[in-house]
Amino acid sequence: MHIGIGKRIHSLRKEKNMTLEELSKQSGVALATLSRMENGKMPGTLNSHQKICKALGASIGDLYQELEDEIKTVELVSEKKRTEHFVHAHNAKYELLVTKTMDKKIMPLMIKIASGGQTQEEKNSPGVEKFVYMLKGTLNVIVGNQPYTLNTGDSLYFDASLTHSFSNKAQSDMEAICIISPPAL
């Protein structure tokens, strides 16, 4: 990771048309230390980063931006790699659409319920929210004591700390995308 910081310091310094010696003098960070940082030999300290940023007229956010970009996640999960997650249900299944769900801020699922199928009643912890978007078929949802019927293209957003369940009373199978935030099993 510290290689990214060094590259970022170098690029910020070049944007200011500043030599390594000038940066050392203005920041109070030793020339040898700056050189090692820019060459990826050492990461430096938060204190040195703050001094360098001040000398460059940059924010800590400017310095760390590339590091943030490096650790941002992009994940492709093919249909064949989806893992099923059963919820003690009758003719209903959830498929996880991502891996390592507890490391994410949301948990996207595919809900598939065959005709006549239903999930068990659920109640998540306070602060958990669910969003359902219908891809095909009809879904009957009960949130609290309130029933809702969703058809293809409909969506429903609710506080998942309310007791809720899903069922399919239609003659055809249904599929929906469900997003839970934060992830909850």
C-alpha atoms as a PDB file:
ATOM      1  CA  MET A   1       0.000   0.000   0.000  1.00  0.00           C
ATOM      2  CA  HIS A   2       2.788   2.464   0.802  1.00  0.00           C
ATOM      3  CA  ILE A   3       3.964   2.332  -2.819  1.00  0.00           C
ATOM      4  CA  GLY A   4       0.716   4.152  -3.680  1.00  0.00           C
ATOM      5  CA  ILE A   5       1.453   6.883  -1.140  1.00  0.00           C
ATOM      6  CA  GLY A   6       4.929   7.418  -2.578  1.00  0.00           C
ATOM      7  CA  LYS A   7       3.576   7.674  -6.117  1.00  0.00           C
ATOM      8  CA  ARG A   8       0.895  10.076  -4.943  1.00  0.00           C
ATOM      9  CA  ILE A   9       3.432  12.303  -3.109  1.00  0.00           C
ATOM     10  CA  HIS A  10       5.595  12.316  -6.249  1.00  0.00           C
ATOM     11  CA  SER A  11       2.689  13.267  -8.485  1.00  0.00           C
ATOM     12  CA  LEU A  12       1.427  16.003  -6.117  1.00  0.00           C
ATOM     13  CA  ARG A  13       4.980  17.366  -5.863  1.00  0.00           C
ATOM     14  CA  LYS A  14       5.360  17.425  -9.677  1.00  0.00           C
ATOM     15  CA  GLU A  15       1.980  19.211 -10.021  1.00  0.00           C
ATOM     16  CA  LYS A  16       3.442  21.988  -7.817  1.00  0.00           C
ATOM     17  CA  ASN A  17       6.725  22.022  -9.802  1.00  0.00           C
ATOM     18  CA  MET A  18       8.568  21.404  -6.555  1.00  0.00           C
ATOM     19  CA  THR A  19      11.877  19.569  -6.181  1.00  0.00           C
ATOM     20  CA  LEU A  20      12.421  16.944  -3.493  1.00  0.00           C
ATOM     21  CA  GLU A  21      14.793  19.374  -1.764  1.00  0.00           C
ATOM     22  CA  GLU A  22      12.173  22.148  -1.737  1.00  0.00           C
ATOM     23  CA  LEU A  23       9.551  19.764  -0.341  1.00  0.00           C
ATOM     24  CA  SER A  24      11.979  18.653   2.364  1.00  0.00           C
ATOM     25  CA  LYS A  25      12.733  22.239   3.338  1.00  0.00           C
ATOM     26  CA  GLN A  26       9.065  23.346   3.377  1.00  0.00           C
ATOM     27  CA  SER A  27       7.715  20.235   5.128  1.00  0.00           C
ATOM     28  CA  GLY A  28      10.533  19.626   7.596  1.00  0.00           C
ATOM     29  CA  VAL A  29      10.646  15.953   6.506  1.00  0.00           C
ATOM     30  CA  ALA A  30      14.191  14.720   5.847  1.00  0.00           C
ATOM     31  CA  LEU A  31      15.220  14.512   2.178  1.00  0.00           C
ATOM     32  CA  ALA A  32      16.279  10.863   2.571  1.00  0.00           C
ATOM     33  CA  THR A  33      12.891  10.005   4.100  1.00  0.00           C
ATOM     34  CA  LEU A  34      11.017  11.731   1.276  1.00  0.00           C
ATOM     35  CA  SER A  35      13.133   9.898  -1.293  1.00  0.00           C
ATOM     36  CA  ARG A  36      12.472   6.535   0.362  1.00  0.00           C
ATOM     37  CA  MET A  37       8.742   7.313   0.527  1.00  0.00           C
ATOM     38  CA  GLU A  38       8.531   8.305  -3.140  1.00  0.00           C
ATOM     39  CA  ASN A  39      10.458   5.169  -4.136  1.00  0.00           C
ATOM     40  CA  GLY A  40       8.163   2.897  -2.130  1.00  0.00           C
ATOM     41  CA  LYS A  41      10.841   1.906   0.369  1.00  0.00           C
ATOM     42  CA  MET A  42       8.900   3.229   3.389  1.00  0.00           C
ATOM     43  CA  PRO A  43       5.351   4.438   3.996  1.00  0.00           C
ATOM     44  CA  GLY A  44       6.118   7.364   6.281  1.00  0.00           C
ATOM     45  CA  THR A  45       3.999   8.322   9.265  1.00  0.00           C
ATOM     46  CA  LEU A  46       0.706  10.151   9.548  1.00  0.00           C
ATOM     47  CA  ASN A  47       2.666  13.075  10.998  1.00  0.00           C
ATOM     48  CA  SER A  48       5.021  13.164   7.977  1.00  0.00           C
ATOM     49  CA  HIS A  49       2.014  12.844   5.625  1.00  0.00           C
ATOM     50  CA  GLN A  50       0.378  15.847   7.286  1.00  0.00           C
ATOM     51  CA  LYS A  51       3.555  17.938   6.992  1.00  0.00           C
ATOM     52  CA  ILE A  52       3.987  16.958   3.328  1.00  0.00           C
ATOM     53  CA  CYS A  53       0.355  17.796   2.555  1.00  0.00           C
ATOM     54  CA  LYS A  54       0.666  21.184   4.235  1.00  0.00           C
ATOM     55  CA  ALA A  55       3.807  21.978   2.208  1.00  0.00           C
ATOM     56  CA  LEU A  56       2.060  20.866  -1.007  1.00  0.00           C
ATOM     57  CA  GLY A  57      -1.173  22.715  -0.232  1.00  0.00           C
ATOM     58  CA  ALA A  58      -3.027  19.403  -0.431  1.00  0.00           C
ATOM     59  CA  SER A  59      -5.370  17.617   1.959  1.00  0.00           C
ATOM     60  CA  ILE A  60      -4.795  14.218   3.532  1.00  0.00           C
ATOM     61  CA  GLY A  61      -7.789  13.111   1.428  1.00  0.00           C
ATOM     62  CA  ASP A  62      -5.869  14.144  -1.725  1.00  0.00           C
ATOM     63  CA  LEU A  63      -2.929  12.030  -0.601  1.00  0.00           C
ATOM     64  CA  TYR A  64      -4.981   8.968   0.316  1.00  0.00           C
ATOM     65  CA  GLN A  65      -7.414   9.143  -2.626  1.00  0.00           C
ATOM     66  CA  GLU A  66      -5.475   6.667  -4.773  1.00  0.00           C
ATOM     67  CA  LEU A  67      -5.187   4.262  -1.867  1.00  0.00           C
ATOM     68  CA  GLU A  68      -8.939   4.401  -1.457  1.00  0.00           C
ATOM     69  CA  ASP A  69      -9.346   3.713  -5.162  1.00  0.00           C
ATOM     70  CA  GLU A  70      -6.950   0.736  -4.944  1.00  0.00           C
ATOM     71  CA  ILE A  71      -8.972  -0.967  -2.228  1.00  0.00           C
ATOM     72  CA  LYS A  72     -12.403  -0.373  -3.765  1.00  0.00           C
ATOM     73  CA  THR A  73     -13.971  -3.650  -4.720  1.00  0.00           C
ATOM     74  CA  VAL A  74     -15.353  -4.769  -8.032  1.00  0.00           C
ATOM     75  CA  GLU A  75     -16.765  -8.276  -7.996  1.00  0.00           C
ATOM     76  CA  LEU A  76     -18.284 -10.285 -10.829  1.00  0.00           C
ATOM     77  CA  VAL A  77     -20.239 -13.381  -9.797  1.00  0.00           C
ATOM     78  CA  SER A  78     -21.496 -15.513 -12.668  1.00  0.00           C
ATOM     79  CA  GLU A  79     -24.871 -17.212 -12.368  1.00  0.00           C
ATOM     80  CA  LYS A  80     -23.112 -20.588 -12.061  1.00  0.00           C
ATOM     81  CA  LYS A  81     -21.099 -19.375  -9.045  1.00  0.00           C
ATOM     82  CA  ARG A  82     -24.078 -18.163  -7.007  1.00  0.00           C
ATOM     83  CA  THR A  83     -24.516 -19.895  -3.719  1.00  0.00           C
ATOM     84  CA  GLU A  84     -27.934 -20.818  -2.460  1.00  0.00           C
ATOM     85  CA  HIS A  85     -28.982 -19.714   0.973  1.00  0.00           C
ATOM     86  CA  PHE A  86     -32.050 -21.535   2.223  1.00  0.00           C
ATOM     87  CA  VAL A  87     -34.243 -19.966   4.875  1.00  0.00           C
ATOM     88  CA  HIS A  88     -36.186 -23.014   6.141  1.00  0.00           C
ATOM     89  CA  ALA A  89     -38.795 -22.298   3.542  1.00  0.00           C
ATOM     90  CA  HIS A  90     -41.305 -24.229   1.457  1.00  0.00           C
ATOM     91  CA  ASN A  91     -40.437 -24.072  -2.279  1.00  0.00           C
ATOM     92  CA  ALA A  92     -38.523 -20.836  -1.743  1.00  0.00           C
ATOM     93  CA  LYS A  93     -34.817 -20.103  -1.974  1.00  0.00           C
ATOM     94  CA  TYR A  94     -32.472 -17.168  -1.707  1.00  0.00           C
ATOM     95  CA  GLU A  95     -29.360 -17.014  -3.892  1.00  0.00           C
ATOM     96  CA  LEU A  96     -26.514 -14.778  -2.743  1.00  0.00           C
ATOM     97  CA  LEU A  97     -25.452 -12.522  -5.618  1.00  0.00           C
ATOM     98  CA  VAL A  98     -22.054 -11.643  -4.097  1.00  0.00           C
ATOM     99  CA  THR A  99     -19.413 -13.410  -2.037  1.00  0.00           C
ATOM    100  CA  LYS A 100     -18.119 -12.400   1.406  1.00  0.00           C
ATOM    101  CA  THR A 101     -21.425 -10.697   2.170  1.00  0.00           C
ATOM    102  CA  MET A 102     -20.529  -9.690   5.709  1.00  0.00           C
ATOM    103  CA  ASP A 103     -17.657  -7.558   4.310  1.00  0.00           C
ATOM    104  CA  LYS A 104     -20.113  -5.531   2.223  1.00  0.00           C
ATOM    105  CA  LYS A 105     -22.503  -2.690   3.046  1.00  0.00           C
ATOM    106  CA  ILE A 106     -25.402  -4.373   1.254  1.00  0.00           C
ATOM    107  CA  MET A 107     -26.434  -7.985   0.681  1.00  0.00           C
ATOM    108  CA  PRO A 108     -28.047  -8.497  -2.738  1.00  0.00           C
ATOM    109  CA  LEU A 109     -30.079 -11.690  -3.080  1.00  0.00           C
ATOM    110  CA  MET A 110     -32.192 -13.348  -5.749  1.00  0.00           C
ATOM    111  CA  ILE A 111     -35.453 -14.640  -4.260  1.00  0.00           C
ATOM    112  CA  LYS A 112     -37.106 -17.496  -6.159  1.00  0.00           C
ATOM    113  CA  ILE A 113     -40.404 -18.862  -4.921  1.00  0.00           C
ATOM    114  CA  ALA A 114     -42.281 -21.564  -6.793  1.00  0.00           C
ATOM    115  CA  SER A 115     -46.067 -21.435  -7.106  1.00  0.00           C
ATOM    116  CA  GLY A 116     -47.527 -22.106  -3.667  1.00  0.00           C
ATOM    117  CA  GLY A 117     -44.164 -21.552  -1.930  1.00  0.00           C
ATOM    118  CA  GLN A 118     -43.414 -19.323   1.016  1.00  0.00           C
ATOM    119  CA  THR A 119     -40.604 -18.197   3.294  1.00  0.00           C
ATOM    120  CA  GLN A 120     -40.686 -18.457   7.031  1.00  0.00           C
ATOM    121  CA  GLU A 121     -41.568 -15.363   9.027  1.00  0.00           C
ATOM    122  CA  GLU A 122     -38.481 -13.178   9.570  1.00  0.00           C
ATOM    123  CA  LYS A 123     -37.615 -10.291  11.854  1.00  0.00           C
ATOM    124  CA  ASN A 124     -34.208  -8.644  11.570  1.00  0.00           C
ATOM    125  CA  SER A 125     -32.356  -6.489  14.076  1.00  0.00           C
ATOM    126  CA  PRO A 126     -33.269  -2.794  14.359  1.00  0.00           C
ATOM    127  CA  GLY A 127     -31.511  -0.758  11.658  1.00  0.00           C
ATOM    128  CA  VAL A 128     -31.756  -3.454   8.968  1.00  0.00           C
ATOM    129  CA  GLU A 129     -33.655  -2.437   5.830  1.00  0.00           C
ATOM    130  CA  LYS A 130     -34.848  -4.479   2.848  1.00  0.00           C
ATOM    131  CA  PHE A 131     -35.618  -3.524  -0.720  1.00  0.00           C
ATOM    132  CA  VAL A 132     -37.397  -5.919  -3.094  1.00  0.00           C
ATOM    133  CA  TYR A 133     -37.643  -5.456  -6.882  1.00  0.00           C
ATOM    134  CA  MET A 134     -39.853  -7.852  -8.843  1.00  0.00           C
ATOM    135  CA  LEU A 135     -38.326  -9.433 -11.946  1.00  0.00           C
ATOM    136  CA  LYS A 136     -41.168 -11.803 -12.808  1.00  0.00           C
ATOM    137  CA  GLY A 137     -44.362 -13.174 -11.358  1.00  0.00           C
ATOM    138  CA  THR A 138     -46.326 -12.068  -8.318  1.00  0.00           C
ATOM    139  CA  LEU A 139     -45.137 -11.852  -4.722  1.00  0.00           C
ATOM    140  CA  ASN A 140     -47.312 -11.581  -1.652  1.00  0.00           C
ATOM    141  CA  VAL A 141     -45.525  -9.837   1.197  1.00  0.00           C
ATOM    142  CA  ILE A 142     -46.659  -9.283   4.756  1.00  0.00           C
ATOM    143  CA  VAL A 143     -44.779  -6.560   6.672  1.00  0.00           C
ATOM    144  CA  GLY A 144     -46.023  -6.192  10.236  1.00  0.00           C
ATOM    145  CA  ASN A 145     -49.705  -6.950   9.741  1.00  0.00           C
ATOM    146  CA  GLN A 146     -49.938  -5.177   6.383  1.00  0.00           C
ATOM    147  CA  PRO A 147     -50.225  -7.288   3.191  1.00  0.00           C
ATOM    148  CA  TYR A 148     -48.690  -6.128  -0.110  1.00  0.00           C
ATOM    149  CA  THR A 149     -48.927  -7.668  -3.584  1.00  0.00           C
ATOM    150  CA  LEU A 150     -46.013  -7.008  -5.940  1.00  0.00           C
ATOM    151  CA  ASN A 151     -46.059  -7.684  -9.671  1.00  0.00           C
ATOM    152  CA  THR A 152     -43.283  -7.564 -12.274  1.00  0.00           C
ATOM    153  CA  GLY A 153     -41.565  -4.160 -12.109  1.00  0.00           C
ATOM    154  CA  ASP A 154     -42.916  -3.280  -8.653  1.00  0.00           C
ATOM    155  CA  SER A 155     -40.671  -2.572  -5.679  1.00  0.00           C
ATOM    156  CA  LEU A 156     -41.076  -2.479  -1.918  1.00  0.00           C
ATOM    157  CA  TYR A 157     -38.790  -0.896   0.685  1.00  0.00           C
ATOM    158  CA  PHE A 158     -39.285  -1.597   4.391  1.00  0.00           C
ATOM    159  CA  ASP A 159     -37.779  -1.664   7.861  1.00  0.00           C
ATOM    160  CA  ALA A 160     -36.795  -5.327   8.239  1.00  0.00           C
ATOM    161  CA  SER A 161     -37.051  -5.165  12.029  1.00  0.00           C
ATOM    162  CA  LEU A 162     -40.796  -5.506  11.389  1.00  0.00           C
ATOM    163  CA  THR A 163     -41.957  -9.123  11.151  1.00  0.00           C
ATOM    164  CA  HIS A 164     -42.212 -10.052   7.463  1.00  0.00           C
ATOM    165  CA  SER A 165     -42.703 -13.003   5.122  1.00  0.00           C
ATOM    166  CA  PHE A 166     -42.919 -13.681   1.393  1.00  0.00           C
ATOM    167  CA  SER A 167     -45.243 -16.067  -0.434  1.00  0.00           C
ATOM    168  CA  ASN A 168     -46.274 -16.880  -3.983  1.00  0.00           C
ATOM    169  CA  LYS A 169     -50.003 -17.578  -4.336  1.00  0.00           C
ATOM    170  CA  ALA A 170     -49.893 -17.276  -8.143  1.00  0.00           C
ATOM    171  CA  GLN A 171     -49.863 -20.151 -10.652  1.00  0.00           C
ATOM    172  CA  SER A 172     -46.365 -19.290 -11.955  1.00  0.00           C
ATOM    173  CA  ASP A 173     -42.945 -19.037 -10.293  1.00  0.00           C
ATOM    174  CA  MET A 174     -41.654 -15.655  -9.192  1.00  0.00           C
ATOM    175  CA  GLU A 175     -38.203 -14.047  -9.036  1.00  0.00           C
ATOM    176  CA  ALA A 176     -37.144 -10.862  -7.320  1.00  0.00           C
ATOM    177  CA  ILE A 177     -33.974  -9.046  -6.333  1.00  0.00           C
ATOM    178  CA  CYS A 178     -33.799  -8.343  -2.599  1.00  0.00           C
ATOM    179  CA  ILE A 179     -31.210  -6.000  -1.105  1.00  0.00           C
ATOM    180  CA  ILE A 180     -30.556  -6.079   2.635  1.00  0.00           C
ATOM    181  CA  SER A 181     -28.612  -3.283   4.312  1.00  0.00           C
ATOM    182  CA  PRO A 182     -26.554  -3.794   6.327  1.00  0.00           C
ATOM    183  CA  PRO A 183     -26.017  -7.495   5.540  1.00  0.00           C
ATOM    184  CA  ALA A 184     -27.918  -9.762   7.913  1.00  0.00           C
ATOM    185  CA  LEU A 185     -28.284 -13.517   7.870  1.00  0.00           C
END
